[in-house]
Protein backbone atom coordinates (compact mmCIF):
# COMPACT_ATOMS: atom_id res chain seq x y z
CA MET A 1 157.35 171.53 56.74
CA SER A 2 160.78 171.62 58.33
CA PHE A 3 163.93 170.55 56.51
CA LYS A 4 164.29 167.62 58.91
CA ALA A 5 160.78 166.40 58.11
CA ILE A 6 161.34 166.75 54.35
CA PHE A 7 164.64 164.86 54.57
CA GLY A 8 163.01 162.08 56.58
CA PHE A 9 160.16 161.75 54.08
CA VAL A 10 162.53 161.55 51.09
CA ARG A 11 164.79 159.09 52.84
CA SER A 12 161.85 156.86 53.74
CA GLY A 13 160.52 156.98 50.19
CA PHE A 14 163.79 155.98 48.58
CA LEU A 15 164.43 153.31 51.19
CA CYS A 16 161.05 151.83 50.32
CA LEU A 17 161.90 152.04 46.63
CA PHE A 18 165.22 150.27 47.19
CA CYS A 19 163.66 147.48 49.23
CA MET A 20 160.90 146.87 46.69
CA GLY A 21 163.38 146.90 43.84
CA SER A 22 165.59 144.40 45.65
CA VAL A 23 162.76 141.91 45.67
CA PHE A 24 162.77 141.96 41.87
CA LEU A 25 166.44 142.52 41.10
CA PHE A 26 168.18 140.09 43.44
CA PRO A 27 167.79 136.32 43.82
CA ARG A 28 165.67 135.12 46.69
CA ILE A 29 167.39 133.82 49.80
CA ALA A 30 164.76 131.12 50.18
CA ALA A 31 165.28 127.68 48.69
CA ALA A 32 165.60 127.77 44.90
CA GLU A 33 162.86 126.28 42.76
CA ILE A 34 163.19 123.56 40.15
CA LEU A 35 163.71 125.22 36.77
CA PHE A 36 163.92 121.92 34.89
CA GLU A 37 163.62 118.22 35.73
CA SER A 38 163.83 115.47 33.14
CA GLY A 39 162.01 112.88 35.22
CA THR A 40 160.66 111.96 38.62
CA LEU A 41 162.91 110.64 41.37
CA GLY A 42 162.71 106.86 41.53
CA ALA A 43 163.62 104.64 44.46
CA THR A 44 166.92 105.67 46.08
CA GLY A 45 169.36 103.80 48.33
CA ILE A 46 170.07 101.18 45.67
CA PRO A 47 173.55 99.55 45.90
CA ARG A 48 175.59 99.64 42.68
CA SER A 49 175.46 95.84 42.46
CA GLU A 50 171.65 95.98 42.29
CA VAL A 51 171.26 98.72 39.69
CA VAL A 52 169.39 97.40 36.65
CA GLY A 53 168.73 100.34 34.32
CA GLY A 54 170.84 103.41 33.65
CA SER A 55 173.80 104.88 31.79
CA ASN A 56 177.47 104.77 32.65
CA ILE A 57 179.12 108.09 33.48
CA SER A 58 182.90 108.00 33.04
CA PRO A 59 185.72 109.43 30.92
CA ALA A 60 184.36 107.22 28.13
CA VAL A 61 180.67 108.13 28.41
CA PHE A 62 178.89 111.44 29.06
CA VAL A 63 175.12 111.60 29.35
CA GLY A 64 172.75 114.56 29.41
CA VAL A 65 169.48 116.10 28.36
CA ARG A 66 168.34 119.09 26.32
CA PHE A 67 166.05 121.62 27.98
CA HIS A 68 164.37 124.88 27.05
CA LEU A 69 163.89 128.05 29.09
CA ASP A 70 161.06 130.50 28.39
CA GLN A 71 162.28 133.12 30.87
CA TYR A 72 165.48 134.65 32.19
CA VAL A 73 166.84 132.64 35.14
CA ILE A 74 169.75 132.43 37.53
CA THR A 75 170.68 128.80 38.19
CA SER A 76 171.85 127.63 41.61
CA GLN A 77 172.50 123.88 41.35
CA VAL A 78 172.49 120.95 38.94
CA GLY A 79 172.15 117.31 39.86
CA GLY A 80 170.13 114.13 39.72
CA HIS A 81 169.97 110.49 40.77
CA PHE A 82 173.33 108.69 40.61
CA VAL A 83 175.41 105.91 42.17
CA ARG A 84 179.19 105.35 42.32
CA ASN A 85 180.86 102.39 40.65
CA ILE A 86 182.44 99.99 43.13
CA GLY A 87 186.02 101.04 43.94
CA ALA A 88 185.89 104.13 41.70
CA ASP A 89 186.63 107.76 42.52
CA GLU A 90 183.65 109.86 43.51
CA SER A 91 183.97 113.03 41.42
CA PHE A 92 182.02 113.75 38.24
CA PHE A 93 181.09 116.97 36.47
CA GLY A 94 177.81 118.63 35.68
CA ALA A 95 177.86 121.25 32.91
CA ILE A 96 175.37 123.55 31.23
CA VAL A 97 175.94 124.06 27.49
CA ARG A 98 174.21 126.58 25.25
CA LEU A 99 172.53 125.05 22.16
CA ASP A 100 171.37 126.65 18.92
CA ASP A 101 168.06 124.76 18.86
CA GLU A 102 166.28 121.59 20.00
CA ASN A 103 168.41 119.41 17.66
CA ASP A 104 171.83 120.86 18.47
CA PHE A 105 174.66 119.16 20.37
CA PRO A 106 177.58 120.61 22.37
CA ASP A 107 180.33 121.87 20.06
CA SER A 108 183.12 119.83 21.68
CA GLY A 109 183.72 116.42 23.16
CA ASP A 110 185.93 117.70 25.97
CA LEU A 111 183.57 120.62 26.69
CA SER A 112 186.30 123.19 26.05
CA THR A 113 184.40 125.43 23.60
CA PRO A 114 182.66 128.76 24.39
CA ASP A 115 179.20 127.17 24.26
CA VAL A 116 179.94 125.68 27.70
CA ILE A 117 178.45 128.20 30.11
CA GLY A 118 179.73 126.64 33.33
CA SER A 119 180.43 123.44 35.22
CA THR A 120 180.60 122.07 38.74
CA LEU A 121 181.87 118.95 40.49
CA LEU A 122 179.54 116.48 42.18
CA SER A 123 180.23 113.33 44.20
CA PHE A 124 178.76 109.93 43.32
CA PRO A 125 176.94 108.47 46.33
CA GLU A 126 176.95 104.81 47.36
CA PRO A 127 174.24 103.53 47.56
CA SER A 128 172.29 105.62 45.05
CA GLY A 129 170.88 109.03 45.91
CA GLU A 130 169.99 112.43 44.56
CA VAL A 131 173.04 114.71 44.63
CA PHE A 132 173.69 118.30 43.54
CA GLY A 133 176.57 120.63 42.76
CA ASN A 134 176.51 124.41 42.96
CA LEU A 135 176.40 126.17 39.60
CA ALA A 136 175.26 129.81 39.58
CA LYS A 137 174.84 131.19 36.06
CA SER A 138 172.54 133.70 34.37
CA LEU A 139 170.70 132.11 31.44
CA ASP A 140 168.67 133.79 28.71
CA PRO A 141 165.57 132.14 27.23
CA GLY A 142 166.59 129.43 24.76
CA TRP A 143 167.89 125.89 24.40
CA TYR A 144 170.54 124.28 26.63
CA ALA A 145 172.03 120.91 27.47
CA LEU A 146 172.69 119.62 30.97
CA THR A 147 175.50 117.07 30.75
CA PHE A 148 177.30 114.80 33.23
CA GLY A 149 180.59 112.98 32.78
CA SER A 150 184.17 112.53 33.91
CA GLY A 151 187.75 112.68 32.64
CA VAL A 152 187.57 116.46 31.99
CA LEU A 153 186.70 119.59 33.98
CA GLY A 154 188.50 118.20 37.02
CA ALA A 155 186.41 115.02 37.37
CA THR A 156 188.04 111.60 37.80
CA GLY A 157 185.30 109.26 39.01
CA SER A 158 182.83 106.88 37.42
CA GLY A 159 179.32 105.75 38.20
CA VAL A 160 175.82 105.38 36.82
CA ALA A 161 172.90 107.72 36.16
CA LEU A 162 169.92 105.64 37.24
CA ALA A 163 166.93 105.33 34.91
CA ASN A 164 164.28 104.29 37.42
CA GLY A 165 162.07 107.39 37.41
CA VAL A 166 159.37 108.46 34.97
CA ASP A 167 160.08 110.99 32.21
CA ILE A 168 158.38 114.40 32.44
CA SER A 169 157.18 116.05 29.21
CA ASP A 170 159.14 113.87 26.78
CA PRO A 171 162.76 115.02 27.40
CA THR A 172 165.42 114.43 24.74
CA TYR A 173 168.47 112.70 26.19
CA ILE A 174 171.92 112.85 24.60
CA ALA A 175 175.23 111.05 25.12
CA PHE A 176 178.86 111.35 24.11
CA GLN A 177 181.45 108.66 23.45
CA PRO A 178 184.95 109.50 22.22
CA GLY A 179 186.40 107.84 19.15
CA PRO A 180 185.69 107.58 15.42
CA GLY A 181 182.06 106.94 14.57
CA PHE A 182 180.76 108.00 17.97
CA GLY A 183 180.78 111.58 19.29
CA TRP A 184 177.50 113.15 20.42
CA SER A 185 174.27 111.30 19.66
CA ASN A 186 170.62 111.11 20.67
CA LEU A 187 169.47 108.45 23.12
CA GLU A 188 165.90 108.44 21.86
CA GLY A 189 164.65 104.87 21.66
CA PHE A 190 167.55 103.54 23.75
CA LEU A 191 167.45 105.01 27.26
CA SER A 192 165.00 107.20 29.20
CA ASN A 193 163.57 107.90 32.67
CA PHE A 194 166.64 109.64 34.09
CA ARG A 195 166.42 112.18 36.90
CA PHE A 196 168.42 115.29 35.83
CA VAL A 197 167.62 118.60 37.55
CA VAL A 198 168.42 122.32 37.31
CA THR A 199 167.42 124.55 40.22
CA GLY A 200 167.49 128.34 40.52
CA ASP A 201 165.35 131.46 40.36
CA ILE A 202 163.29 133.11 37.64
CA VAL A 203 164.37 136.70 36.99
CA PRO A 204 161.56 139.19 36.23
CA GLU A 205 161.87 141.01 32.92
CA PRO A 206 163.36 144.52 33.14
CA ALA A 207 159.97 145.98 32.20
CA SER A 208 158.47 144.62 35.42
CA VAL A 209 161.10 146.34 37.53
CA THR A 210 160.57 149.62 35.65
CA ILE A 211 156.82 149.52 36.25
CA VAL A 212 157.24 148.95 39.99
CA ALA A 213 159.90 151.67 40.31
CA SER A 214 157.77 154.15 38.34
CA GLY A 215 154.77 153.46 40.50
CA LEU A 216 156.71 154.02 43.70
CA LEU A 217 158.20 157.27 42.41
CA CYS A 218 154.75 158.53 41.44
CA PHE A 219 153.51 157.70 44.92
CA LEU A 220 156.45 159.55 46.44
CA PHE A 221 155.90 162.75 44.47
CA ARG A 222 152.11 162.72 44.86
CA ARG A 223 152.65 162.76 48.62
CA TRP A 224 154.99 165.75 48.29
CA PRO A 225 153.31 168.89 49.81
């Protein structure tokens, strides 16, 4: 076999290896999947004046939900079903916070502590609609909180998280109010049926990538004359 043929064979083999590895190592370009959703999407297009059930989102009230991941993921967006208060600014934040367990709360009221993994700004719609903000973060398996609010993290608006969907798998909602005697608390028994969503991609475990790479290398060398 000539040197040119050998070089071409090796180059083709490693190019194949790189392309196959890219499928596992890098996020897909296609639309991200839903990694977590607290509830179904209820009727949209509801004017603020006609909203019946929900929770305020403002500098005085944050609302969120705990969620658990069983796999490594890379998030892409967070969002849900919201509506802007009449005459208010549009901006509000969405943040992902790492929790110790299913009963934990964020460590701070202004979300300034290291347990806050990242945040993004969203815009309240009017009338109501499902909106999202970009938030790309790598998350390990474990417990997290998805929270929405205003007054910190660059957000200045106010609105409502609508509660007109149907809860999925018994989510645990939480809320924050500043001031003595308030702080973070559970909303169990008070409010439910919100639509809070995290989208992104599941990342295969390193072992899966190693198995594929090993198999391709074995194929390459078995074909070697």
